[in-house]
C-alpha cells in the first residue's frame, strides 16, 4: 500500500475513523480562532493584557488563558466583556464544514 506524505490527508482519515477525536480537534480549532481574534484586536488597539482586563473588569489571567486557547465554556461571558471593553461585539455562527472539510 502506498503511504501518503500529505499530513492533512492522514489527519483527515484519522479523524473520520475517530469521531470523538474529531470533536476534540474541532473544539481546539474554535478555541484557537477565538484566541487569535482576541490577541489581534487587543494588539491593534495597543492594549496590554492588564489594561484590557481592567477595562473589561476581569483578571489579567483570564485574558492570558483566552489568548493561549486555554479556556472552557464558562469563558463566554468573559468574551462578551472583553469585546465590550474594546467596543466590539461577539458573534457566534454555525457553519457547515471545518478546517479539514469533513462532512
PDB file of N, CA and C in Angstrom:
ATOM      1  N   UNK A   1       0.844  -1.178   0.000  1.00  0.00           N
ATOM      2  CA  UNK A   1       0.000   0.000   0.000  1.00  0.00           C
ATOM      3  C   UNK A   1       0.890   1.242   0.000  1.00  0.00           C
ATOM      4  N   UNK A   2       0.570   2.191  -0.859  1.00  0.00           N
ATOM      5  CA  UNK A   2       1.328   3.432  -0.932  1.00  0.00           C
ATOM      6  C   UNK A   2       1.038   4.274   0.304  1.00  0.00           C
ATOM      7  N   UNK A   3       2.054   4.875   0.831  1.00  0.00           N
ATOM      8  CA  UNK A   3       1.903   5.738   2.004  1.00  0.00           C
ATOM      9  C   UNK A   3       1.827   7.184   1.552  1.00  0.00           C
ATOM     10  N   UNK A   4       0.918   7.918   2.150  1.00  0.00           N
ATOM     11  CA  UNK A   4       0.775   9.327   1.789  1.00  0.00           C
ATOM     12  C   UNK A   4       1.697  10.186   2.652  1.00  0.00           C
ATOM     13  N   UNK A   5       2.179  11.237   2.065  1.00  0.00           N
ATOM     14  CA  UNK A   5       3.011  12.179   2.804  1.00  0.00           C
ATOM     15  C   UNK A   5       2.255  13.476   3.056  1.00  0.00           C
ATOM     16  N   UNK A   6       0.999  13.516   2.658  1.00  0.00           N
ATOM     17  CA  UNK A   6       0.174  14.701   2.847  1.00  0.00           C
ATOM     18  C   UNK A   6      -0.443  14.640   4.242  1.00  0.00           C
ATOM     19  N   UNK A   7       0.079  15.452   5.142  1.00  0.00           N
ATOM     20  CA  UNK A   7      -0.358  15.424   6.533  1.00  0.00           C
ATOM     21  C   UNK A   7      -1.857  15.628   6.674  1.00  0.00           C
ATOM     22  N   UNK A   8      -2.422  16.550   5.911  1.00  0.00           N
ATOM     23  CA  UNK A   8      -3.847  16.819   6.035  1.00  0.00           C
ATOM     24  C   UNK A   8      -4.679  15.605   5.628  1.00  0.00           C
ATOM     25  N   UNK A   9      -4.241  14.861   4.638  1.00  0.00           N
ATOM     26  CA  UNK A   9      -4.963  13.648   4.244  1.00  0.00           C
ATOM     27  C   UNK A   9      -4.881  12.596   5.343  1.00  0.00           C
ATOM     28  N   UNK A  10      -3.713  12.453   5.929  1.00  0.00           N
ATOM     29  CA  UNK A  10      -3.538  11.492   7.019  1.00  0.00           C
ATOM     30  C   UNK A  10      -4.412  11.884   8.201  1.00  0.00           C
ATOM     31  N   UNK A  11      -4.384  13.154   8.561  1.00  0.00           N
ATOM     32  CA  UNK A  11      -5.177  13.637   9.689  1.00  0.00           C
ATOM     33  C   UNK A  11      -6.672  13.493   9.416  1.00  0.00           C
ATOM     34  N   UNK A  12      -7.080  13.854   8.210  1.00  0.00           N
ATOM     35  CA  UNK A  12      -8.490  13.744   7.846  1.00  0.00           C
ATOM     36  C   UNK A  12      -8.966  12.297   7.956  1.00  0.00           C
ATOM     37  N   UNK A  13      -8.164  11.363   7.478  1.00  0.00           N
ATOM     38  CA  UNK A  13      -8.526   9.938   7.557  1.00  0.00           C
ATOM     39  C   UNK A  13      -8.660   9.510   9.016  1.00  0.00           C
ATOM     40  N   UNK A  14      -7.737   9.925   9.837  1.00  0.00           N
ATOM     41  CA  UNK A  14      -7.755   9.562  11.262  1.00  0.00           C
ATOM     42  C   UNK A  14      -8.998  10.120  11.951  1.00  0.00           C
ATOM     43  N   UNK A  15      -9.333  11.361  11.622  1.00  0.00           N
ATOM     44  CA  UNK A  15     -10.495  11.987  12.254  1.00  0.00           C
ATOM     45  C   UNK A  15     -11.802  11.355  11.785  1.00  0.00           C
ATOM     46  N   UNK A  16     -11.847  10.890  10.561  1.00  0.00           N
ATOM     47  CA  UNK A  16     -13.039  10.196  10.072  1.00  0.00           C
ATOM     48  C   UNK A  16     -13.216   8.854  10.793  1.00  0.00           C
ATOM     49  N   UNK A  17     -12.109   8.262  11.197  1.00  0.00           N
ATOM     50  CA  UNK A  17     -12.161   6.968  11.880  1.00  0.00           C
ATOM     51  C   UNK A  17     -12.448   7.117  13.375  1.00  0.00           C
ATOM     52  N   UNK A  18     -12.215   8.290  13.926  1.00  0.00           N
ATOM     53  CA  UNK A  18     -12.363   8.501  15.367  1.00  0.00           C
ATOM     54  C   UNK A  18     -13.207   9.751  15.627  1.00  0.00           C
ATOM     55  N   UNK A  19     -14.542   9.604  15.655  1.00  0.00           N
ATOM     56  CA  UNK A  19     -15.421  10.768  15.833  1.00  0.00           C
ATOM     57  C   UNK A  19     -15.168  11.548  17.122  1.00  0.00           C
ATOM     58  N   UNK A  20     -14.779  10.866  18.185  1.00  0.00           N
ATOM     59  CA  UNK A  20     -14.507  11.568  19.446  1.00  0.00           C
ATOM     60  C   UNK A  20     -13.298  12.484  19.306  1.00  0.00           C
ATOM     61  N   UNK A  21     -12.273  11.999  18.616  1.00  0.00           N
ATOM     62  CA  UNK A  21     -11.098  12.826  18.367  1.00  0.00           C
ATOM     63  C   UNK A  21     -11.469  14.002  17.470  1.00  0.00           C
ATOM     64  N   UNK A  22     -12.330  13.781  16.494  1.00  0.00           N
ATOM     65  CA  UNK A  22     -12.765  14.849  15.598  1.00  0.00           C
ATOM     66  C   UNK A  22     -13.449  15.967  16.380  1.00  0.00           C
ATOM     67  N   UNK A  23     -14.272  15.621  17.352  1.00  0.00           N
ATOM     68  CA  UNK A  23     -14.948  16.630  18.180  1.00  0.00           C
ATOM     69  C   UNK A  23     -13.914  17.440  18.958  1.00  0.00           C
ATOM     70  N   UNK A  24     -12.920  16.774  19.513  1.00  0.00           N
ATOM     71  CA  UNK A  24     -11.872  17.464  20.268  1.00  0.00           C
ATOM     72  C   UNK A  24     -11.074  18.402  19.369  1.00  0.00           C
ATOM     73  N   UNK A  25     -10.749  17.944  18.177  1.00  0.00           N
ATOM     74  CA  UNK A  25      -9.992  18.780  17.237  1.00  0.00           C
ATOM     75  C   UNK A  25     -10.814  19.994  16.835  1.00  0.00           C
ATOM     76  N   UNK A  26     -12.092  19.793  16.539  1.00  0.00           N
ATOM     77  CA  UNK A  26     -12.949  20.918  16.173  1.00  0.00           C
ATOM     78  C   UNK A  26     -13.043  21.942  17.313  1.00  0.00           C
ATOM     79  N   UNK A  27     -13.139  21.472  18.537  1.00  0.00           N
ATOM     80  CA  UNK A  27     -13.192  22.378  19.690  1.00  0.00           C
ATOM     81  C   UNK A  27     -11.900  23.179  19.803  1.00  0.00           C
ATOM     82  N   UNK A  28     -10.769  22.530  19.561  1.00  0.00           N
ATOM     83  CA  UNK A  28      -9.480  23.225  19.595  1.00  0.00           C
ATOM     84  C   UNK A  28      -9.398  24.272  18.501  1.00  0.00           C
ATOM     85  N   UNK A  29      -9.942  23.967  17.326  1.00  0.00           N
ATOM     86  CA  UNK A  29      -9.937  24.939  16.234  1.00  0.00           C
ATOM     87  C   UNK A  29     -10.751  26.176  16.605  1.00  0.00           C
ATOM     88  N   UNK A  30     -11.869  25.980  17.277  1.00  0.00           N
ATOM     89  CA  UNK A  30     -12.695  27.110  17.725  1.00  0.00           C
ATOM     90  C   UNK A  30     -11.932  27.934  18.753  1.00  0.00           C
ATOM     91  N   UNK A  31     -11.364  27.265  19.759  1.00  0.00           N
ATOM     92  CA  UNK A  31     -10.607  27.991  20.790  1.00  0.00           C
ATOM     93  C   UNK A  31      -9.434  28.753  20.175  1.00  0.00           C
ATOM     94  N   UNK A  32      -8.753  28.122  19.250  1.00  0.00           N
ATOM     95  CA  UNK A  32      -7.613  28.756  18.597  1.00  0.00           C
ATOM     96  C   UNK A  32      -8.044  29.988  17.804  1.00  0.00           C
ATOM     97  N   UNK A  33      -9.156  29.884  17.113  1.00  0.00           N
ATOM     98  CA  UNK A  33      -9.668  31.021  16.348  1.00  0.00           C
ATOM     99  C   UNK A  33     -10.020  32.185  17.271  1.00  0.00           C
ATOM    100  N   UNK A  34     -10.690  31.894  18.357  1.00  0.00           N
ATOM    101  CA  UNK A  34     -11.051  32.934  19.327  1.00  0.00           C
ATOM    102  C   UNK A  34      -9.789  33.568  19.897  1.00  0.00           C
ATOM    103  N   UNK A  35      -8.827  32.754  20.248  1.00  0.00           N
ATOM    104  CA  UNK A  35      -7.574  33.253  20.819  1.00  0.00           C
ATOM    105  C   UNK A  35      -6.884  34.223  19.855  1.00  0.00           C
ATOM    106  N   UNK A  36      -6.796  33.837  18.587  1.00  0.00           N
ATOM    107  CA  UNK A  36      -6.144  34.703  17.593  1.00  0.00           C
ATOM    108  C   UNK A  36      -6.909  36.013  17.415  1.00  0.00           C
ATOM    109  N   UNK A  37      -8.235  35.947  17.421  1.00  0.00           N
ATOM    110  CA  UNK A  37      -9.034  37.157  17.229  1.00  0.00           C
ATOM    111  C   UNK A  37      -8.894  38.122  18.409  1.00  0.00           C
ATOM    112  N   UNK A  38      -8.920  37.596  19.612  1.00  0.00           N
ATOM    113  CA  UNK A  38      -8.767  38.444  20.800  1.00  0.00           C
ATOM    114  C   UNK A  38      -7.385  39.088  20.801  1.00  0.00           C
ATOM    115  N   UNK A  39      -6.354  38.290  20.551  1.00  0.00           N
ATOM    116  CA  UNK A  39      -4.987  38.822  20.523  1.00  0.00           C
ATOM    117  C   UNK A  39      -4.863  39.921  19.463  1.00  0.00           C
ATOM    118  N   UNK A  40      -5.378  39.661  18.266  1.00  0.00           N
ATOM    119  CA  UNK A  40      -5.270  40.646  17.185  1.00  0.00           C
ATOM    120  C   UNK A  40      -6.001  41.937  17.540  1.00  0.00           C
ATOM    121  N   UNK A  41      -7.212  41.819  18.067  1.00  0.00           N
ATOM    122  CA  UNK A  41      -7.985  43.012  18.431  1.00  0.00           C
ATOM    123  C   UNK A  41      -7.274  43.800  19.536  1.00  0.00           C
ATOM    124  N   UNK A  42      -6.729  43.085  20.503  1.00  0.00           N
ATOM    125  CA  UNK A  42      -6.050  43.758  21.620  1.00  0.00           C
ATOM    126  C   UNK A  42      -4.787  44.465  21.144  1.00  0.00           C
ATOM    127  N   UNK A  43      -3.959  43.779  20.363  1.00  0.00           N
ATOM    128  CA  UNK A  43      -2.695  44.390  19.932  1.00  0.00           C
ATOM    129  C   UNK A  43      -2.919  45.512  18.917  1.00  0.00           C
ATOM    130  N   UNK A  44      -3.961  45.415  18.095  1.00  0.00           N
ATOM    131  CA  UNK A  44      -4.270  46.507  17.163  1.00  0.00           C
ATOM    132  C   UNK A  44      -4.631  47.778  17.913  1.00  0.00           C
ATOM    133  N   UNK A  45      -5.171  47.611  19.106  1.00  0.00           N
ATOM    134  CA  UNK A  45      -5.553  48.761  19.933  1.00  0.00           C
ATOM    135  C   UNK A  45      -4.434  49.160  20.901  1.00  0.00           C
ATOM    136  N   UNK A  46      -3.296  48.519  20.774  1.00  0.00           N
ATOM    137  CA  UNK A  46      -2.132  48.807  21.619  1.00  0.00           C
ATOM    138  C   UNK A  46      -2.459  48.671  23.104  1.00  0.00           C
ATOM    139  N   UNK A  47      -3.229  47.633  23.434  1.00  0.00           N
ATOM    140  CA  UNK A  47      -3.588  47.374  24.823  1.00  0.00           C
ATOM    141  C   UNK A  47      -2.747  46.226  25.366  1.00  0.00           C
ATOM    142  N   UNK A  48      -2.332  46.347  26.601  1.00  0.00           N
ATOM    143  CA  UNK A  48      -1.700  45.211  27.276  1.00  0.00           C
ATOM    144  C   UNK A  48      -2.804  44.295  27.790  1.00  0.00           C
ATOM    145  N   UNK A  49      -2.435  43.094  28.162  1.00  0.00           N
ATOM    146  CA  UNK A  49      -3.424  42.196  28.766  1.00  0.00           C
ATOM    147  C   UNK A  49      -3.986  42.833  30.030  1.00  0.00           C
ATOM    148  N   UNK A  50      -3.122  43.466  30.804  1.00  0.00           N
ATOM    149  CA  UNK A  50      -3.553  44.085  32.061  1.00  0.00           C
ATOM    150  C   UNK A  50      -4.540  45.221  31.814  1.00  0.00           C
ATOM    151  N   UNK A  51      -4.246  46.075  30.838  1.00  0.00           N
ATOM    152  CA  UNK A  51      -5.153  47.208  30.591  1.00  0.00           C
ATOM    153  C   UNK A  51      -6.494  46.730  30.037  1.00  0.00           C
ATOM    154  N   UNK A  52      -6.472  45.720  29.192  1.00  0.00           N
ATOM    155  CA  UNK A  52      -7.732  45.174  28.685  1.00  0.00           C
ATOM    156  C   UNK A  52      -8.524  44.530  29.818  1.00  0.00           C
ATOM    157  N   UNK A  53      -7.845  43.792  30.674  1.00  0.00           N
ATOM    158  CA  UNK A  53      -8.520  43.160  31.804  1.00  0.00           C
ATOM    159  C   UNK A  53      -9.185  44.210  32.691  1.00  0.00           C
ATOM    160  N   UNK A  54      -8.487  45.307  32.938  1.00  0.00           N
ATOM    161  CA  UNK A  54      -9.052  46.376  33.775  1.00  0.00           C
ATOM    162  C   UNK A  54     -10.295  46.963  33.113  1.00  0.00           C
ATOM    163  N   UNK A  55     -10.212  47.236  31.815  1.00  0.00           N
ATOM    164  CA  UNK A  55     -11.364  47.783  31.085  1.00  0.00           C
ATOM    165  C   UNK A  55     -12.554  46.822  31.114  1.00  0.00           C
ATOM    166  N   UNK A  56     -12.259  45.506  31.017  1.00  0.00           N
ATOM    167  CA  UNK A  56     -13.325  44.501  30.955  1.00  0.00           C
ATOM    168  C   UNK A  56     -13.806  44.079  32.336  1.00  0.00           C
ATOM    169  N   UNK A  57     -13.091  44.476  33.375  1.00  0.00           N
ATOM    170  CA  UNK A  57     -13.480  44.109  34.731  1.00  0.00           C
ATOM    171  C   UNK A  57     -13.237  42.641  35.041  1.00  0.00           C
ATOM    172  N   UNK A  58     -12.166  42.104  34.470  1.00  0.00           N
ATOM    173  CA  UNK A  58     -11.799  40.702  34.717  1.00  0.00           C
ATOM    174  C   UNK A  58     -10.312  40.630  35.040  1.00  0.00           C
ATOM    175  N   UNK A  59      -9.862  39.470  35.478  1.00  0.00           N
ATOM    176  CA  UNK A  59      -8.452  39.286  35.815  1.00  0.00           C
ATOM    177  C   UNK A  59      -7.592  39.168  34.545  1.00  0.00           C
ATOM    178  N   UNK A  60      -6.359  39.639  34.623  1.00  0.00           N
ATOM    179  CA  UNK A  60      -5.424  39.525  33.515  1.00  0.00           C
ATOM    180  C   UNK A  60      -5.219  38.074  33.127  1.00  0.00           C
ATOM    181  N   UNK A  61      -5.249  37.175  34.106  1.00  0.00           N
ATOM    182  CA  UNK A  61      -5.035  35.756  33.823  1.00  0.00           C
ATOM    183  C   UNK A  61      -6.121  35.190  32.906  1.00  0.00           C
ATOM    184  N   UNK A  62      -7.336  35.771  32.963  1.00  0.00           N
ATOM    185  CA  UNK A  62      -8.407  35.328  32.063  1.00  0.00           C
ATOM    186  C   UNK A  62      -8.051  35.687  30.622  1.00  0.00           C
ATOM    187  N   UNK A  63      -7.540  36.907  30.430  1.00  0.00           N
ATOM    188  CA  UNK A  63      -7.096  37.323  29.090  1.00  0.00           C
ATOM    189  C   UNK A  63      -5.988  36.390  28.606  1.00  0.00           C
ATOM    190  N   UNK A  64      -5.030  36.125  29.464  1.00  0.00           N
ATOM    191  CA  UNK A  64      -3.909  35.255  29.091  1.00  0.00           C
ATOM    192  C   UNK A  64      -4.402  33.857  28.725  1.00  0.00           C
ATOM    193  N   UNK A  65      -5.316  33.316  29.516  1.00  0.00           N
ATOM    194  CA  UNK A  65      -5.853  31.979  29.221  1.00  0.00           C
ATOM    195  C   UNK A  65      -6.570  31.956  27.874  1.00  0.00           C
ATOM    196  N   UNK A  66      -7.351  32.980  27.609  1.00  0.00           N
ATOM    197  CA  UNK A  66      -8.076  33.032  26.333  1.00  0.00           C
ATOM    198  C   UNK A  66      -7.092  33.124  25.177  1.00  0.00           C
ATOM    199  N   UNK A  67      -6.093  33.970  25.302  1.00  0.00           N
ATOM    200  CA  UNK A  67      -5.119  34.121  24.223  1.00  0.00           C
ATOM    201  C   UNK A  67      -4.257  32.877  24.047  1.00  0.00           C
ATOM    202  N   UNK A  68      -4.174  32.043  25.059  1.00  0.00           N
ATOM    203  CA  UNK A  68      -3.464  30.767  24.959  1.00  0.00           C
ATOM    204  C   UNK A  68      -4.402  29.638  24.533  1.00  0.00           C
ATOM    205  N   UNK A  69      -5.648  29.979  24.211  1.00  0.00           N
ATOM    206  CA  UNK A  69      -6.679  28.995  23.836  1.00  0.00           C
ATOM    207  C   UNK A  69      -6.884  27.971  24.943  1.00  0.00           C
ATOM    208  N   UNK A  70      -6.710  28.413  26.187  1.00  0.00           N
ATOM    209  CA  UNK A  70      -6.843  27.539  27.353  1.00  0.00           C
ATOM    210  C   UNK A  70      -8.061  27.985  28.156  1.00  0.00           C
ATOM    211  N   UNK A  71      -9.242  27.698  27.626  1.00  0.00           N
ATOM    212  CA  UNK A  71     -10.454  28.107  28.315  1.00  0.00           C
ATOM    213  C   UNK A  71     -11.578  27.143  27.988  1.00  0.00           C
ATOM    214  N   UNK A  72     -12.682  27.276  28.725  1.00  0.00           N
ATOM    215  CA  UNK A  72     -13.822  26.393  28.503  1.00  0.00           C
ATOM    216  C   UNK A  72     -15.077  27.218  28.278  1.00  0.00           C
ATOM    217  N   UNK A  73     -16.211  26.578  28.286  1.00  0.00           N
ATOM    218  CA  UNK A  73     -17.485  27.242  28.006  1.00  0.00           C
ATOM    219  C   UNK A  73     -17.820  28.365  28.969  1.00  0.00           C
ATOM    220  N   UNK A  74     -17.298  28.332  30.175  1.00  0.00           N
ATOM    221  CA  UNK A  74     -17.577  29.387  31.144  1.00  0.00           C
ATOM    222  C   UNK A  74     -16.979  30.724  30.715  1.00  0.00           C
ATOM    223  N   UNK A  75     -16.169  30.714  29.710  1.00  0.00           N
ATOM    224  CA  UNK A  75     -15.481  31.916  29.271  1.00  0.00           C
ATOM    225  C   UNK A  75     -16.341  32.782  28.357  1.00  0.00           C
ATOM    226  N   UNK A  76     -17.483  32.301  27.942  1.00  0.00           N
ATOM    227  CA  UNK A  76     -18.324  33.061  27.019  1.00  0.00           C
ATOM    228  C   UNK A  76     -18.674  34.439  27.585  1.00  0.00           C
ATOM    229  N   UNK A  77     -19.025  34.528  28.852  1.00  0.00           N
ATOM    230  CA  UNK A  77     -19.347  35.834  29.444  1.00  0.00           C
ATOM    231  C   UNK A  77     -18.120  36.733  29.467  1.00  0.00           C
ATOM    232  N   UNK A  78     -16.967  36.161  29.728  1.00  0.00           N
ATOM    233  CA  UNK A  78     -15.736  36.956  29.697  1.00  0.00           C
ATOM    234  C   UNK A  78     -15.479  37.481  28.292  1.00  0.00           C
ATOM    235  N   UNK A  79     -15.751  36.666  27.279  1.00  0.00           N
ATOM    236  CA  UNK A  79     -15.564  37.121  25.899  1.00  0.00           C
ATOM    237  C   UNK A  79     -16.450  38.327  25.612  1.00  0.00           C
ATOM    238  N   UNK A  80     -17.679  38.304  26.089  1.00  0.00           N
ATOM    239  CA  UNK A  80     -18.588  39.428  25.886  1.00  0.00           C
ATOM    240  C   UNK A  80     -18.060  40.686  26.574  1.00  0.00           C
ATOM    241  N   UNK A  81     -17.510  40.538  27.757  1.00  0.00           N
ATOM    242  CA  UNK A  81     -16.968  41.690  28.484  1.00  0.00           C
ATOM    243  C   UNK A  81     -15.725  42.235  27.791  1.00  0.00           C
ATOM    244  N   UNK A  82     -14.889  41.339  27.281  1.00  0.00           N
ATOM    245  CA  UNK A  82     -13.686  41.751  26.556  1.00  0.00           C
ATOM    246  C   UNK A  82     -14.082  42.520  25.294  1.00  0.00           C
ATOM    247  N   UNK A  83     -15.035  41.978  24.554  1.00  0.00           N
ATOM    248  CA  UNK A  83     -15.491  42.645  23.333  1.00  0.00           C
ATOM    249  C   UNK A  83     -16.033  44.036  23.657  1.00  0.00           C
ATOM    250  N   UNK A  84     -16.863  44.121  24.682  1.00  0.00           N
ATOM    251  CA  UNK A  84     -17.441  45.408  25.065  1.00  0.00           C
ATOM    252  C   UNK A  84     -16.348  46.401  25.446  1.00  0.00           C
ATOM    253  N   UNK A  85     -15.325  45.941  26.150  1.00  0.00           N
ATOM    254  CA  UNK A  85     -14.231  46.813  26.568  1.00  0.00           C
ATOM    255  C   UNK A  85     -13.473  47.387  25.370  1.00  0.00           C
ATOM    256  N   UNK A  86     -13.508  46.685  24.243  1.00  0.00           N
ATOM    257  CA  UNK A  86     -12.838  47.161  23.029  1.00  0.00           C
ATOM    258  C   UNK A  86     -13.842  47.728  22.025  1.00  0.00           C
ATOM    259  N   UNK A  87     -15.083  47.945  22.486  1.00  0.00           N
ATOM    260  CA  UNK A  87     -16.162  48.461  21.635  1.00  0.00           C
ATOM    261  C   UNK A  87     -16.410  47.557  20.426  1.00  0.00           C
ATOM    262  N   UNK A  88     -16.399  46.251  20.682  1.00  0.00           N
ATOM    263  CA  UNK A  88     -16.678  45.231  19.674  1.00  0.00           C
ATOM    264  C   UNK A  88     -17.856  44.395  20.135  1.00  0.00           C
ATOM    265  N   UNK A  89     -18.337  43.529  19.265  1.00  0.00           N
ATOM    266  CA  UNK A  89     -19.400  42.592  19.618  1.00  0.00           C
ATOM    267  C   UNK A  89     -18.918  41.177  19.346  1.00  0.00           C
ATOM    268  N   UNK A  90     -19.448  40.239  20.092  1.00  0.00           N
ATOM    269  CA  UNK A  90     -19.155  38.827  19.867  1.00  0.00           C
ATOM    270  C   UNK A  90     -20.281  38.248  19.023  1.00  0.00           C
ATOM    271  N   UNK A  91     -19.923  37.557  17.966  1.00  0.00           N
ATOM    272  CA  UNK A  91     -20.891  36.852  17.139  1.00  0.00           C
ATOM    273  C   UNK A  91     -20.506  35.386  17.108  1.00  0.00           C
ATOM    274  N   UNK A  92     -21.495  34.547  17.226  1.00  0.00           N
ATOM    275  CA  UNK A  92     -21.269  33.108  17.118  1.00  0.00           C
ATOM    276  C   UNK A  92     -22.016  32.647  15.879  1.00  0.00           C
ATOM    277  N   UNK A  93     -21.347  31.879  15.051  1.00  0.00           N
ATOM    278  CA  UNK A  93     -22.037  31.368  13.871  1.00  0.00           C
ATOM    279  C   UNK A  93     -21.799  29.871  13.761  1.00  0.00           C
ATOM    280  N   UNK A  94     -22.757  29.215  13.203  1.00  0.00           N
ATOM    281  CA  UNK A  94     -22.658  27.792  12.958  1.00  0.00           C
ATOM    282  C   UNK A  94     -22.589  27.628  11.453  1.00  0.00           C
ATOM    283  N   UNK A  95     -21.466  27.079  10.993  1.00  0.00           N
ATOM    284  CA  UNK A  95     -21.250  26.948   9.566  1.00  0.00           C
ATOM    285  C   UNK A  95     -20.926  25.510   9.214  1.00  0.00           C
ATOM    286  N   UNK A  96     -21.283  25.128   8.026  1.00  0.00           N
ATOM    287  CA  UNK A  96     -21.018  23.784   7.556  1.00  0.00           C
ATOM    288  C   UNK A  96     -19.526  23.558   7.356  1.00  0.00           C
ATOM    289  N   UNK A  97     -19.056  22.390   7.749  1.00  0.00           N
ATOM    290  CA  UNK A  97     -17.667  22.026   7.497  1.00  0.00           C
ATOM    291  C   UNK A  97     -16.744  22.482   8.606  1.00  0.00           C
ATOM    292  N   UNK A  98     -15.484  22.254   8.373  1.00  0.00           N
ATOM    293  CA  UNK A  98     -14.442  22.655   9.306  1.00  0.00           C
ATOM    294  C   UNK A  98     -13.174  22.888   8.521  1.00  0.00           C
ATOM    295  N   UNK A  99     -12.108  23.140   9.228  1.00  0.00           N
ATOM    296  CA  UNK A  99     -10.829  23.396   8.564  1.00  0.00           C
ATOM    297  C   UNK A  99     -10.366  22.182   7.762  1.00  0.00           C
ATOM    298  N   UNK A 100     -10.847  21.023   8.122  1.00  0.00           N
ATOM    299  CA  UNK A 100     -10.451  19.810   7.421  1.00  0.00           C
ATOM    300  C   UNK A 100     -11.487  19.374   6.395  1.00  0.00           C
ATOM    301  N   UNK A 101     -12.522  20.191   6.210  1.00  0.00           N
ATOM    302  CA  UNK A 101     -13.567  19.918   5.217  1.00  0.00           C
ATOM    303  C   UNK A 101     -14.260  18.573   5.398  1.00  0.00           C
ATOM    304  N   UNK A 102     -14.434  18.187   6.656  1.00  0.00           N
ATOM    305  CA  UNK A 102     -15.184  16.951   6.901  1.00  0.00           C
ATOM    306  C   UNK A 102     -16.662  17.238   6.768  1.00  0.00           C
ATOM    307  N   UNK A 103     -17.437  16.260   6.323  1.00  0.00           N
ATOM    308  CA  UNK A 103     -18.881  16.481   6.197  1.00  0.00           C
ATOM    309  C   UNK A 103     -19.568  16.589   7.557  1.00  0.00           C
TER     310      UNK A 103
END
